[in-house]
N, C-alpha and C. Protein backbone atom coordinates (compact mmCIF):
# COMPACT_ATOMS: atom_id res chain seq x y z
N MET A 1 79.01 92.36 -18.90
CA MET A 1 80.28 93.12 -18.79
C MET A 1 80.01 94.52 -18.24
N ILE A 2 78.81 95.06 -18.50
CA ILE A 2 78.39 96.32 -17.92
C ILE A 2 78.47 96.25 -16.32
N GLU A 3 78.01 95.14 -15.82
CA GLU A 3 77.88 94.97 -14.29
C GLU A 3 79.35 94.97 -13.70
N VAL A 4 80.33 94.34 -14.43
CA VAL A 4 81.67 94.33 -14.00
C VAL A 4 82.29 95.64 -13.96
N ILE A 5 82.06 96.38 -15.02
CA ILE A 5 82.55 97.79 -15.15
C ILE A 5 81.95 98.72 -14.03
N LYS A 6 80.60 98.46 -13.81
CA LYS A 6 79.90 99.30 -12.69
C LYS A 6 80.60 98.93 -11.41
N LYS A 7 80.81 97.69 -11.16
CA LYS A 7 81.41 97.27 -9.76
C LYS A 7 82.78 97.85 -9.73
N TRP A 8 83.62 97.78 -10.80
CA TRP A 8 84.97 98.36 -10.76
C TRP A 8 85.01 99.81 -10.37
N ARG A 9 84.07 100.61 -11.08
CA ARG A 9 83.98 102.02 -10.87
C ARG A 9 83.53 102.36 -9.34
N GLU A 10 82.58 101.63 -8.89
CA GLU A 10 82.04 101.70 -7.52
C GLU A 10 83.12 101.40 -6.51
N LEU A 11 83.98 100.43 -6.73
CA LEU A 11 85.15 100.22 -5.80
C LEU A 11 86.06 101.30 -5.63
N ASN A 12 86.25 101.95 -6.78
CA ASN A 12 87.10 103.09 -6.91
C ASN A 12 86.51 104.22 -6.16
N THR A 13 85.30 104.61 -6.56
CA THR A 13 84.62 105.81 -6.02
C THR A 13 84.21 105.66 -4.48
N HIS A 14 83.58 104.53 -4.20
CA HIS A 14 83.14 104.42 -2.80
C HIS A 14 83.97 103.56 -1.93
N GLY A 15 84.89 102.71 -2.41
CA GLY A 15 85.63 101.88 -1.62
C GLY A 15 85.14 100.47 -1.41
N HIS A 16 85.96 99.61 -0.84
CA HIS A 16 85.49 98.36 -0.58
C HIS A 16 84.80 98.30 0.79
N THR A 17 83.58 97.62 0.85
CA THR A 17 82.76 97.69 2.12
C THR A 17 83.39 97.09 3.28
N THR A 18 84.11 95.93 3.04
CA THR A 18 84.63 95.28 4.11
C THR A 18 85.93 95.97 4.87
N LYS A 19 86.68 96.62 3.98
CA LYS A 19 87.87 97.32 4.27
C LYS A 19 87.64 98.77 4.67
N GLY A 20 86.56 99.33 4.12
CA GLY A 20 86.34 100.71 4.59
C GLY A 20 87.22 101.75 3.87
N GLN A 21 87.92 101.32 2.82
CA GLN A 21 88.83 102.31 2.13
C GLN A 21 88.61 102.28 0.59
N ARG A 22 88.81 103.49 0.04
CA ARG A 22 88.80 103.44 -1.50
C ARG A 22 89.94 102.61 -2.10
N LEU A 23 89.66 102.09 -3.15
CA LEU A 23 90.75 101.29 -3.92
C LEU A 23 91.09 102.18 -5.23
N ASN A 24 92.30 102.16 -5.63
CA ASN A 24 92.62 102.94 -6.89
C ASN A 24 92.12 102.01 -7.99
N LEU A 25 92.08 102.48 -9.25
CA LEU A 25 91.59 101.64 -10.34
C LEU A 25 92.24 100.33 -10.59
N GLN A 26 93.53 100.25 -10.39
CA GLN A 26 94.31 98.97 -10.57
C GLN A 26 93.86 97.97 -9.54
N GLU A 27 93.73 98.40 -8.30
CA GLU A 27 93.41 97.47 -7.18
C GLU A 27 91.89 96.98 -7.48
N SER A 28 91.15 97.97 -7.90
CA SER A 28 89.71 97.72 -8.21
C SER A 28 89.66 96.69 -9.28
N ALA A 29 90.44 96.76 -10.30
CA ALA A 29 90.52 95.79 -11.38
C ALA A 29 90.96 94.41 -10.91
N ARG A 30 91.89 94.40 -9.99
CA ARG A 30 92.19 93.09 -9.49
C ARG A 30 91.05 92.47 -8.74
N ALA A 31 90.30 93.23 -8.02
CA ALA A 31 89.15 92.85 -7.03
C ALA A 31 88.05 92.20 -7.95
N VAL A 32 87.81 92.72 -9.21
CA VAL A 32 86.74 92.24 -10.07
C VAL A 32 87.35 91.13 -10.97
N GLY A 33 88.59 90.90 -10.95
CA GLY A 33 89.25 89.79 -11.68
C GLY A 33 89.38 90.14 -13.21
N VAL A 34 89.48 91.35 -13.67
CA VAL A 34 89.68 91.76 -15.07
C VAL A 34 90.85 92.70 -15.09
N SER A 35 91.61 92.68 -16.15
CA SER A 35 92.65 93.69 -16.22
C SER A 35 92.18 95.20 -16.42
N LYS A 36 92.99 96.00 -15.85
CA LYS A 36 92.68 97.37 -15.93
C LYS A 36 92.55 97.89 -17.44
N LYS A 37 93.39 97.38 -18.16
CA LYS A 37 93.49 97.87 -19.54
C LYS A 37 92.18 97.56 -20.35
N THR A 38 91.69 96.26 -20.11
CA THR A 38 90.34 95.89 -20.68
C THR A 38 89.18 96.71 -20.16
N LEU A 39 89.23 96.88 -18.83
CA LEU A 39 88.17 97.70 -18.26
C LEU A 39 88.14 99.08 -18.76
N ASP A 40 89.39 99.74 -18.77
CA ASP A 40 89.49 101.09 -19.42
C ASP A 40 88.84 101.13 -20.89
N ASP A 41 89.33 100.16 -21.64
CA ASP A 41 88.77 100.03 -23.05
C ASP A 41 87.18 99.86 -23.17
N PHE A 42 86.74 99.01 -22.37
CA PHE A 42 85.35 98.78 -22.39
C PHE A 42 84.53 99.99 -21.80
N TYR A 43 85.11 100.62 -20.78
CA TYR A 43 84.42 101.83 -20.11
C TYR A 43 84.46 103.00 -21.26
N CYS A 44 85.46 103.05 -21.97
CA CYS A 44 85.50 104.04 -23.05
C CYS A 44 84.44 103.76 -24.15
N GLN A 45 84.31 102.56 -24.50
CA GLN A 45 83.44 102.11 -25.57
C GLN A 45 82.02 102.30 -25.08
N LEU A 46 81.75 102.13 -23.80
CA LEU A 46 80.47 102.43 -23.23
C LEU A 46 80.07 103.85 -23.33
N ARG A 47 80.93 104.66 -22.90
CA ARG A 47 80.73 106.15 -22.90
C ARG A 47 80.60 106.69 -24.32
N ASP A 48 81.30 106.09 -25.28
CA ASP A 48 81.16 106.51 -26.67
C ASP A 48 79.78 106.11 -27.16
N GLY A 49 79.45 104.81 -26.76
CA GLY A 49 78.10 104.25 -27.32
C GLY A 49 76.94 105.10 -26.80
N GLU A 50 77.10 105.70 -25.57
CA GLU A 50 76.08 106.50 -24.98
C GLU A 50 76.01 107.80 -25.75
N CYS A 51 77.14 108.33 -26.03
CA CYS A 51 77.16 109.69 -26.75
C CYS A 51 76.49 109.62 -28.21
N PHE A 52 76.80 108.41 -28.72
CA PHE A 52 76.25 108.24 -30.33
C PHE A 52 74.92 107.68 -30.32
N GLY A 53 74.24 107.28 -29.13
CA GLY A 53 72.82 106.86 -29.12
C GLY A 53 72.73 105.34 -29.37
N PHE A 54 73.72 104.66 -28.93
CA PHE A 54 73.68 103.08 -29.10
C PHE A 54 72.55 102.59 -28.25
N ASP A 55 71.60 101.63 -28.62
CA ASP A 55 70.60 101.01 -28.09
C ASP A 55 71.11 99.90 -27.10
N PHE A 56 71.39 100.14 -25.93
CA PHE A 56 71.84 99.23 -25.01
C PHE A 56 70.86 98.14 -24.62
N ALA A 57 69.62 98.62 -24.49
CA ALA A 57 68.51 97.67 -24.11
C ALA A 57 68.40 96.53 -25.06
N SER A 58 68.38 96.85 -26.31
CA SER A 58 68.07 95.81 -27.33
C SER A 58 69.31 94.93 -27.67
N ASN A 59 70.47 95.38 -27.28
CA ASN A 59 71.71 94.72 -27.43
C ASN A 59 72.40 94.18 -26.26
N MET A 60 71.53 93.99 -25.18
CA MET A 60 72.13 93.66 -23.88
C MET A 60 72.83 92.37 -23.83
N ASN A 61 72.39 91.36 -24.58
CA ASN A 61 73.10 90.16 -24.64
C ASN A 61 74.11 89.82 -25.80
N GLU A 62 74.46 90.94 -26.41
CA GLU A 62 75.42 90.92 -27.46
C GLU A 62 76.82 91.15 -26.91
N ARG A 63 77.83 90.75 -27.67
CA ARG A 63 79.19 90.98 -27.32
C ARG A 63 79.66 92.41 -27.51
N ILE A 64 80.82 92.83 -26.93
CA ILE A 64 81.28 94.30 -27.06
C ILE A 64 81.52 94.58 -28.61
N ARG A 65 81.83 93.64 -29.31
CA ARG A 65 82.10 93.84 -30.91
C ARG A 65 80.93 94.48 -31.50
N VAL A 66 79.61 94.28 -31.15
CA VAL A 66 78.49 94.96 -31.75
C VAL A 66 78.60 96.42 -31.40
N LEU A 67 78.98 96.76 -30.20
CA LEU A 67 79.10 98.25 -29.77
C LEU A 67 80.29 98.82 -30.63
N ARG A 68 81.40 98.11 -30.77
CA ARG A 68 82.54 98.68 -31.47
C ARG A 68 82.23 98.93 -33.00
N LYS A 69 81.49 97.99 -33.63
CA LYS A 69 81.01 98.25 -35.02
C LYS A 69 80.12 99.39 -35.12
N TYR A 70 79.21 99.60 -34.21
CA TYR A 70 78.35 100.78 -34.14
C TYR A 70 79.06 101.96 -34.00
N ILE A 71 80.10 102.09 -33.20
CA ILE A 71 80.76 103.32 -32.91
C ILE A 71 81.66 103.71 -34.23
N ARG A 72 82.19 102.65 -34.93
CA ARG A 72 82.88 103.02 -36.08
C ARG A 72 82.08 103.70 -37.10
């Protein structure tokens, strides 16, 4: 899921390579095939996990619920 969020943010920041224009976050979400609400939530969880020192490397294959439990 981290890769999807990364792609979503890159589309917004740098734009679509074939179109040569930046996409807003809603259009970027459509392009990666996940709802903006879900991507916003996961992005927030990732930021919080980083702030609280979550070990992403050892939990790479886990679901987002492991990160949510850690943050609580």
